[in-house]
């Protein structure tokens, strides 16, 4: 199993007017960490879901979420499906 994405990920660009969403993302990632103030905790799994109508910037937000999670040492799994999948 390869660790590289099948399709190259687009370059990250700054997200505009997404402070609230990025704070929520950072909060969720911090909650999933396996340490709290340097104290080891039991490993946890988690799932983040993004919903909304087309054109809202979900793909850009997910790209940023993956980048932030990887930067913090998380294992990131990602998939893509069509509208009816």
PDB file of N, CA and C in Angstrom:
ATOM      1  N   UNK A   1       0.845  -1.166   0.000  1.00  0.00           N
ATOM      2  CA  UNK A   1       0.000   0.000   0.000  1.00  0.00           C
ATOM      3  C   UNK A   1       0.894   1.233   0.000  1.00  0.00           C
ATOM      4  N   UNK A   2       0.667   2.120  -0.914  1.00  0.00           N
ATOM      5  CA  UNK A   2       1.481   3.325  -1.042  1.00  0.00           C
ATOM      6  C   UNK A   2       1.039   4.384  -0.046  1.00  0.00           C
ATOM      7  N   UNK A   3       1.990   5.185   0.394  1.00  0.00           N
ATOM      8  CA  UNK A   3       1.687   6.284   1.310  1.00  0.00           C
ATOM      9  C   UNK A   3       1.449   7.590   0.575  1.00  0.00           C
ATOM     10  N   UNK A   4       1.687   7.603  -0.697  1.00  0.00           N
ATOM     11  CA  UNK A   4       1.511   8.815  -1.498  1.00  0.00           C
ATOM     12  C   UNK A   4       0.098   8.866  -2.072  1.00  0.00           C
ATOM     13  N   UNK A   5      -0.493  10.074  -2.150  1.00  0.00           N
ATOM     14  CA  UNK A   5      -1.814  10.167  -2.780  1.00  0.00           C
ATOM     15  C   UNK A   5      -1.726   9.813  -4.255  1.00  0.00           C
ATOM     16  N   UNK A   6      -2.785   9.212  -4.774  1.00  0.00           N
ATOM     17  CA  UNK A   6      -2.808   8.848  -6.195  1.00  0.00           C
ATOM     18  C   UNK A   6      -2.785  10.077  -7.086  1.00  0.00           C
ATOM     19  N   UNK A   7      -3.504  11.088  -6.675  1.00  0.00           N
ATOM     20  CA  UNK A   7      -3.552  12.329  -7.441  1.00  0.00           C
ATOM     21  C   UNK A   7      -2.797  13.387  -6.667  1.00  0.00           C
ATOM     22  N   UNK A   8      -1.956  14.175  -7.340  1.00  0.00           N
ATOM     23  CA  UNK A   8      -1.229  15.206  -6.605  1.00  0.00           C
ATOM     24  C   UNK A   8      -2.202  16.172  -5.940  1.00  0.00           C
ATOM     25  N   UNK A   9      -1.875  16.563  -4.729  1.00  0.00           N
ATOM     26  CA  UNK A   9      -2.721  17.491  -4.002  1.00  0.00           C
ATOM     27  C   UNK A   9      -2.406  18.907  -4.490  1.00  0.00           C
ATOM     28  N   UNK A  10      -3.420  19.742  -4.617  1.00  0.00           N
ATOM     29  CA  UNK A  10      -3.165  21.110  -5.052  1.00  0.00           C
ATOM     30  C   UNK A  10      -2.365  21.860  -3.994  1.00  0.00           C
ATOM     31  N   UNK A  11      -1.609  22.860  -4.444  1.00  0.00           N
ATOM     32  CA  UNK A  11      -0.861  23.671  -3.499  1.00  0.00           C
ATOM     33  C   UNK A  11      -1.828  24.346  -2.539  1.00  0.00           C
ATOM     34  N   UNK A  12      -1.391  24.477  -1.295  1.00  0.00           N
ATOM     35  CA  UNK A  12      -2.267  25.144  -0.342  1.00  0.00           C
ATOM     36  C   UNK A  12      -2.191  26.648  -0.569  1.00  0.00           C
ATOM     37  N   UNK A  13      -3.336  27.262  -0.527  1.00  0.00           N
ATOM     38  CA  UNK A  13      -3.449  28.712  -0.641  1.00  0.00           C
ATOM     39  C   UNK A  13      -4.109  29.203   0.633  1.00  0.00           C
ATOM     40  N   UNK A  14      -3.832  30.447   1.016  1.00  0.00           N
ATOM     41  CA  UNK A  14      -4.481  30.941   2.233  1.00  0.00           C
ATOM     42  C   UNK A  14      -6.002  30.920   2.084  1.00  0.00           C
ATOM     43  N   UNK A  15      -6.662  30.493   3.128  1.00  0.00           N
ATOM     44  CA  UNK A  15      -8.120  30.470   3.128  1.00  0.00           C
ATOM     45  C   UNK A  15      -8.623  31.814   3.643  1.00  0.00           C
ATOM     46  N   UNK A  16      -9.513  32.398   2.922  1.00  0.00           N
ATOM     47  CA  UNK A  16     -10.069  33.687   3.314  1.00  0.00           C
ATOM     48  C   UNK A  16     -11.371  33.488   4.070  1.00  0.00           C
ATOM     49  N   UNK A  17     -11.562  34.278   5.111  1.00  0.00           N
ATOM     50  CA  UNK A  17     -12.796  34.272   5.898  1.00  0.00           C
ATOM     51  C   UNK A  17     -13.140  32.878   6.430  1.00  0.00           C
ATOM     52  N   UNK A  18     -12.132  32.173   6.905  1.00  0.00           N
ATOM     53  CA  UNK A  18     -12.341  30.818   7.439  1.00  0.00           C
ATOM     54  C   UNK A  18     -11.797  30.686   8.855  1.00  0.00           C
ATOM     55  N   UNK A  19     -11.647  31.807   9.568  1.00  0.00           N
ATOM     56  CA  UNK A  19     -11.079  31.744  10.920  1.00  0.00           C
ATOM     57  C   UNK A  19     -11.872  30.821  11.831  1.00  0.00           C
ATOM     58  N   UNK A  20     -13.192  30.935  11.800  1.00  0.00           N
ATOM     59  CA  UNK A  20     -14.036  30.115  12.673  1.00  0.00           C
ATOM     60  C   UNK A  20     -13.830  28.631  12.380  1.00  0.00           C
ATOM     61  N   UNK A  21     -13.837  28.267  11.105  1.00  0.00           N
ATOM     62  CA  UNK A  21     -13.679  26.877  10.721  1.00  0.00           C
ATOM     63  C   UNK A  21     -12.283  26.361  11.075  1.00  0.00           C
ATOM     64  N   UNK A  22     -11.251  27.197  10.876  1.00  0.00           N
ATOM     65  CA  UNK A  22      -9.896  26.775  11.185  1.00  0.00           C
ATOM     66  C   UNK A  22      -9.685  26.625  12.691  1.00  0.00           C
ATOM     67  N   UNK A  23     -10.307  27.491  13.482  1.00  0.00           N
ATOM     68  CA  UNK A  23     -10.236  27.329  14.945  1.00  0.00           C
ATOM     69  C   UNK A  23     -10.911  26.023  15.357  1.00  0.00           C
ATOM     70  N   UNK A  24     -12.066  25.709  14.771  1.00  0.00           N
ATOM     71  CA  UNK A  24     -12.756  24.457  15.086  1.00  0.00           C
ATOM     72  C   UNK A  24     -11.901  23.257  14.669  1.00  0.00           C
ATOM     73  N   UNK A  25     -11.263  23.355  13.529  1.00  0.00           N
ATOM     74  CA  UNK A  25     -10.386  22.286  13.058  1.00  0.00           C
ATOM     75  C   UNK A  25      -9.226  22.086  14.016  1.00  0.00           C
ATOM     76  N   UNK A  26      -8.560  23.173  14.404  1.00  0.00           N
ATOM     77  CA  UNK A  26      -7.436  23.067  15.333  1.00  0.00           C
ATOM     78  C   UNK A  26      -7.885  22.489  16.675  1.00  0.00           C
ATOM     79  N   UNK A  27      -9.057  22.894  17.129  1.00  0.00           N
ATOM     80  CA  UNK A  27      -9.599  22.373  18.380  1.00  0.00           C
ATOM     81  C   UNK A  27      -9.845  20.867  18.276  1.00  0.00           C
ATOM     82  N   UNK A  28     -10.409  20.425  17.157  1.00  0.00           N
ATOM     83  CA  UNK A  28     -10.674  18.995  16.949  1.00  0.00           C
ATOM     84  C   UNK A  28      -9.369  18.210  16.894  1.00  0.00           C
ATOM     85  N   UNK A  29      -8.364  18.739  16.216  1.00  0.00           N
ATOM     86  CA  UNK A  29      -7.078  18.044  16.139  1.00  0.00           C
ATOM     87  C   UNK A  29      -6.426  17.967  17.518  1.00  0.00           C
ATOM     88  N   UNK A  30      -6.512  19.040  18.278  1.00  0.00           N
ATOM     89  CA  UNK A  30      -5.938  19.022  19.629  1.00  0.00           C
ATOM     90  C   UNK A  30      -6.642  17.999  20.509  1.00  0.00           C
ATOM     91  N   UNK A  31      -7.947  17.851  20.341  1.00  0.00           N
ATOM     92  CA  UNK A  31      -8.702  16.869  21.130  1.00  0.00           C
ATOM     93  C   UNK A  31      -8.302  15.439  20.777  1.00  0.00           C
ATOM     94  N   UNK A  32      -7.809  15.227  19.564  1.00  0.00           N
ATOM     95  CA  UNK A  32      -7.418  13.886  19.127  1.00  0.00           C
ATOM     96  C   UNK A  32      -5.968  13.536  19.445  1.00  0.00           C
ATOM     97  N   UNK A  33      -5.214  14.492  19.929  1.00  0.00           N
ATOM     98  CA  UNK A  33      -3.802  14.224  20.228  1.00  0.00           C
ATOM     99  C   UNK A  33      -3.674  13.127  21.270  1.00  0.00           C
ATOM    100  N   UNK A  34      -2.533  12.433  21.230  1.00  0.00           N
ATOM    101  CA  UNK A  34      -2.323  11.384  22.216  1.00  0.00           C
ATOM    102  C   UNK A  34      -1.550  11.876  23.431  1.00  0.00           C
ATOM    103  N   UNK A  35      -1.357  13.192  23.548  1.00  0.00           N
ATOM    104  CA  UNK A  35      -0.780  13.782  24.752  1.00  0.00           C
ATOM    105  C   UNK A  35      -1.590  15.013  25.131  1.00  0.00           C
ATOM    106  N   UNK A  36      -1.675  15.268  26.409  1.00  0.00           N
ATOM    107  CA  UNK A  36      -2.306  16.473  26.921  1.00  0.00           C
ATOM    108  C   UNK A  36      -1.298  17.113  27.857  1.00  0.00           C
ATOM    109  N   UNK A  37      -0.841  18.287  27.507  1.00  0.00           N
ATOM    110  CA  UNK A  37       0.203  18.976  28.278  1.00  0.00           C
ATOM    111  C   UNK A  37       1.414  18.074  28.496  1.00  0.00           C
ATOM    112  N   UNK A  38       1.766  17.298  27.468  1.00  0.00           N
ATOM    113  CA  UNK A  38       2.927  16.426  27.523  1.00  0.00           C
ATOM    114  C   UNK A  38       2.705  15.097  28.212  1.00  0.00           C
ATOM    115  N   UNK A  39       1.516  14.865  28.750  1.00  0.00           N
ATOM    116  CA  UNK A  39       1.207  13.619  29.449  1.00  0.00           C
ATOM    117  C   UNK A  39       0.587  12.648  28.443  1.00  0.00           C
ATOM    118  N   UNK A  40       1.184  11.458  28.270  1.00  0.00           N
ATOM    119  CA  UNK A  40       0.627  10.497  27.314  1.00  0.00           C
ATOM    120  C   UNK A  40      -0.800  10.091  27.676  1.00  0.00           C
ATOM    121  N   UNK A  41      -1.624   9.978  26.669  1.00  0.00           N
ATOM    122  CA  UNK A  41      -3.014   9.547  26.821  1.00  0.00           C
ATOM    123  C   UNK A  41      -3.220   8.306  25.958  1.00  0.00           C
ATOM    124  N   UNK A  42      -4.296   7.606  26.194  1.00  0.00           N
ATOM    125  CA  UNK A  42      -4.628   6.455  25.350  1.00  0.00           C
ATOM    126  C   UNK A  42      -4.882   6.949  23.933  1.00  0.00           C
ATOM    127  N   UNK A  43      -4.312   6.282  22.905  1.00  0.00           N
ATOM    128  CA  UNK A  43      -4.561   6.700  21.523  1.00  0.00           C
ATOM    129  C   UNK A  43      -6.053   6.666  21.207  1.00  0.00           C
ATOM    130  N   UNK A  44      -6.497   7.656  20.441  1.00  0.00           N
ATOM    131  CA  UNK A  44      -7.905   7.740  20.048  1.00  0.00           C
ATOM    132  C   UNK A  44      -7.979   7.880  18.539  1.00  0.00           C
ATOM    133  N   UNK A  45      -9.056   7.443  18.006  1.00  0.00           N
ATOM    134  CA  UNK A  45      -9.327   7.661  16.591  1.00  0.00           C
ATOM    135  C   UNK A  45     -10.379   8.745  16.474  1.00  0.00           C
ATOM    136  N   UNK A  46     -10.587   9.227  15.300  1.00  0.00           N
ATOM    137  CA  UNK A  46     -11.607  10.242  15.124  1.00  0.00           C
ATOM    138  C   UNK A  46     -11.930  10.455  13.665  1.00  0.00           C
ATOM    139  N   UNK A  47     -12.969  11.193  13.456  1.00  0.00           N
ATOM    140  CA  UNK A  47     -13.441  11.474  12.112  1.00  0.00           C
ATOM    141  C   UNK A  47     -13.944  12.912  12.079  1.00  0.00           C
ATOM    142  N   UNK A  48     -13.524  13.640  11.079  1.00  0.00           N
ATOM    143  CA  UNK A  48     -14.050  14.984  10.848  1.00  0.00           C
ATOM    144  C   UNK A  48     -14.871  14.930   9.572  1.00  0.00           C
ATOM    145  N   UNK A  49     -16.055  15.508   9.602  1.00  0.00           N
ATOM    146  CA  UNK A  49     -16.922  15.528   8.425  1.00  0.00           C
ATOM    147  C   UNK A  49     -17.232  16.971   8.053  1.00  0.00           C
ATOM    148  N   UNK A  50     -17.189  17.268   6.794  1.00  0.00           N
ATOM    149  CA  UNK A  50     -17.490  18.603   6.283  1.00  0.00           C
ATOM    150  C   UNK A  50     -18.691  18.487   5.361  1.00  0.00           C
ATOM    151  N   UNK A  51     -19.693  19.310   5.587  1.00  0.00           N
ATOM    152  CA  UNK A  51     -20.875  19.295   4.727  1.00  0.00           C
ATOM    153  C   UNK A  51     -21.202  20.707   4.284  1.00  0.00           C
ATOM    154  N   UNK A  52     -21.938  20.797   3.211  1.00  0.00           N
ATOM    155  CA  UNK A  52     -22.380  22.095   2.717  1.00  0.00           C
ATOM    156  C   UNK A  52     -22.627  22.015   1.226  1.00  0.00           C
ATOM    157  N   UNK A  53     -23.294  23.042   0.692  1.00  0.00           N
ATOM    158  CA  UNK A  53     -23.579  23.057  -0.735  1.00  0.00           C
ATOM    159  C   UNK A  53     -22.308  23.231  -1.562  1.00  0.00           C
ATOM    160  N   UNK A  54     -22.415  22.879  -2.833  1.00  0.00           N
ATOM    161  CA  UNK A  54     -21.300  23.039  -3.756  1.00  0.00           C
ATOM    162  C   UNK A  54     -20.832  24.480  -3.830  1.00  0.00           C
ATOM    163  N   UNK A  55     -19.523  24.654  -3.950  1.00  0.00           N
ATOM    164  CA  UNK A  55     -18.959  25.989  -4.107  1.00  0.00           C
ATOM    165  C   UNK A  55     -18.653  26.701  -2.804  1.00  0.00           C
ATOM    166  N   UNK A  56     -18.846  26.023  -1.673  1.00  0.00           N
ATOM    167  CA  UNK A  56     -18.609  26.655  -0.371  1.00  0.00           C
ATOM    168  C   UNK A  56     -17.141  26.599   0.055  1.00  0.00           C
ATOM    169  N   UNK A  57     -16.325  25.841  -0.650  1.00  0.00           N
ATOM    170  CA  UNK A  57     -14.910  25.748  -0.303  1.00  0.00           C
ATOM    171  C   UNK A  57     -14.553  24.553   0.563  1.00  0.00           C
ATOM    172  N   UNK A  58     -15.388  23.522   0.506  1.00  0.00           N
ATOM    173  CA  UNK A  58     -15.118  22.323   1.314  1.00  0.00           C
ATOM    174  C   UNK A  58     -13.800  21.681   0.912  1.00  0.00           C
ATOM    175  N   UNK A  59     -13.521  21.588  -0.370  1.00  0.00           N
ATOM    176  CA  UNK A  59     -12.293  20.946  -0.833  1.00  0.00           C
ATOM    177  C   UNK A  59     -11.072  21.698  -0.327  1.00  0.00           C
ATOM    178  N   UNK A  60     -11.099  23.011  -0.384  1.00  0.00           N
ATOM    179  CA  UNK A  60      -9.972  23.813   0.111  1.00  0.00           C
ATOM    180  C   UNK A  60      -9.812  23.625   1.617  1.00  0.00           C
ATOM    181  N   UNK A  61     -10.913  23.573   2.342  1.00  0.00           N
ATOM    182  CA  UNK A  61     -10.862  23.383   3.786  1.00  0.00           C
ATOM    183  C   UNK A  61     -10.336  21.981   4.130  1.00  0.00           C
ATOM    184  N   UNK A  62     -10.757  20.975   3.380  1.00  0.00           N
ATOM    185  CA  UNK A  62     -10.249  19.622   3.599  1.00  0.00           C
ATOM    186  C   UNK A  62      -8.757  19.520   3.290  1.00  0.00           C
ATOM    187  N   UNK A  63      -8.308  20.202   2.257  1.00  0.00           N
ATOM    188  CA  UNK A  63      -6.879  20.221   1.931  1.00  0.00           C
ATOM    189  C   UNK A  63      -6.089  20.803   3.088  1.00  0.00           C
ATOM    190  N   UNK A  64      -6.589  21.889   3.663  1.00  0.00           N
ATOM    191  CA  UNK A  64      -5.936  22.503   4.816  1.00  0.00           C
ATOM    192  C   UNK A  64      -5.987  21.576   6.029  1.00  0.00           C
ATOM    193  N   UNK A  65      -7.100  20.904   6.226  1.00  0.00           N
ATOM    194  CA  UNK A  65      -7.239  19.967   7.356  1.00  0.00           C
ATOM    195  C   UNK A  65      -6.208  18.848   7.243  1.00  0.00           C
ATOM    196  N   UNK A  66      -6.066  18.286   6.050  1.00  0.00           N
ATOM    197  CA  UNK A  66      -5.073  17.221   5.853  1.00  0.00           C
ATOM    198  C   UNK A  66      -3.667  17.733   6.141  1.00  0.00           C
ATOM    199  N   UNK A  67      -3.345  18.910   5.639  1.00  0.00           N
ATOM    200  CA  UNK A  67      -2.005  19.476   5.836  1.00  0.00           C
ATOM    201  C   UNK A  67      -1.728  19.715   7.319  1.00  0.00           C
ATOM    202  N   UNK A  68      -2.690  20.275   8.038  1.00  0.00           N
ATOM    203  CA  UNK A  68      -2.496  20.537   9.465  1.00  0.00           C
ATOM    204  C   UNK A  68      -2.367  19.241  10.256  1.00  0.00           C
ATOM    205  N   UNK A  69      -3.164  18.255   9.920  1.00  0.00           N
ATOM    206  CA  UNK A  69      -3.098  16.978  10.632  1.00  0.00           C
ATOM    207  C   UNK A  69      -1.753  16.295  10.382  1.00  0.00           C
ATOM    208  N   UNK A  70      -1.311  16.266   9.142  1.00  0.00           N
ATOM    209  CA  UNK A  70      -0.014  15.650   8.832  1.00  0.00           C
ATOM    210  C   UNK A  70       1.117  16.379   9.549  1.00  0.00           C
ATOM    211  N   UNK A  71       1.052  17.714   9.582  1.00  0.00           N
ATOM    212  CA  UNK A  71       2.086  18.512  10.245  1.00  0.00           C
ATOM    213  C   UNK A  71       2.162  18.193  11.737  1.00  0.00           C
ATOM    214  N   UNK A  72       1.062  17.743  12.318  1.00  0.00           N
ATOM    215  CA  UNK A  72       1.031  17.406  13.735  1.00  0.00           C
ATOM    216  C   UNK A  72       1.315  15.923  13.980  1.00  0.00           C
ATOM    217  N   UNK A  73       1.641  15.183  12.906  1.00  0.00           N
ATOM    218  CA  UNK A  73       2.025  13.788  13.054  1.00  0.00           C
ATOM    219  C   UNK A  73       0.887  12.783  12.996  1.00  0.00           C
ATOM    220  N   UNK A  74      -0.302  13.215  12.605  1.00  0.00           N
ATOM    221  CA  UNK A  74      -1.426  12.293  12.483  1.00  0.00           C
ATOM    222  C   UNK A  74      -1.283  11.451  11.222  1.00  0.00           C
ATOM    223  N   UNK A  75      -1.823  10.247  11.260  1.00  0.00           N
ATOM    224  CA  UNK A  75      -1.983   9.447  10.055  1.00  0.00           C
ATOM    225  C   UNK A  75      -3.273   9.916   9.408  1.00  0.00           C
ATOM    226  N   UNK A  76      -3.194  10.295   8.150  1.00  0.00           N
ATOM    227  CA  UNK A  76      -4.356  10.870   7.466  1.00  0.00           C
ATOM    228  C   UNK A  76      -4.791   9.930   6.349  1.00  0.00           C
ATOM    229  N   UNK A  77      -6.044   9.528   6.397  1.00  0.00           N
ATOM    230  CA  UNK A  77      -6.639   8.732   5.328  1.00  0.00           C
ATOM    231  C   UNK A  77      -7.635   9.620   4.612  1.00  0.00           C
ATOM    232  N   UNK A  78      -7.671   9.522   3.314  1.00  0.00           N
ATOM    233  CA  UNK A  78      -8.537  10.392   2.542  1.00  0.00           C
ATOM    234  C   UNK A  78      -9.127   9.619   1.378  1.00  0.00           C
ATOM    235  N   UNK A  79     -10.338   9.932   1.040  1.00  0.00           N
ATOM    236  CA  UNK A  79     -10.987   9.303  -0.093  1.00  0.00           C
ATOM    237  C   UNK A  79     -11.815  10.332  -0.835  1.00  0.00           C
ATOM    238  N   UNK A  80     -12.293   9.943  -1.981  1.00  0.00           N
ATOM    239  CA  UNK A  80     -13.083  10.856  -2.783  1.00  0.00           C
ATOM    240  C   UNK A  80     -14.171  10.061  -3.474  1.00  0.00           C
ATOM    241  N   UNK A  81     -15.367  10.613  -3.493  1.00  0.00           N
ATOM    242  CA  UNK A  81     -16.476   9.936  -4.137  1.00  0.00           C
ATOM    243  C   UNK A  81     -17.304  10.938  -4.924  1.00  0.00           C
ATOM    244  N   UNK A  82     -18.151  10.402  -5.750  1.00  0.00           N
ATOM    245  CA  UNK A  82     -19.050  11.246  -6.513  1.00  0.00           C
ATOM    246  C   UNK A  82     -20.290  11.595  -5.712  1.00  0.00           C
ATOM    247  N   UNK A  83     -21.135  12.411  -6.273  1.00  0.00           N
ATOM    248  CA  UNK A  83     -22.319  12.905  -5.584  1.00  0.00           C
ATOM    249  C   UNK A  83     -23.222  11.775  -5.125  1.00  0.00           C
ATOM    250  N   UNK A  84     -23.329  10.698  -5.911  1.00  0.00           N
ATOM    251  CA  UNK A  84     -24.246   9.601  -5.568  1.00  0.00           C
ATOM    252  C   UNK A  84     -23.539   8.394  -4.994  1.00  0.00           C
ATOM    253  N   UNK A  85     -22.306   8.542  -4.600  1.00  0.00           N
ATOM    254  CA  UNK A  85     -21.548   7.423  -4.013  1.00  0.00           C
ATOM    255  C   UNK A  85     -21.629   7.472  -2.517  1.00  0.00           C
TER     256      UNK A  85
END
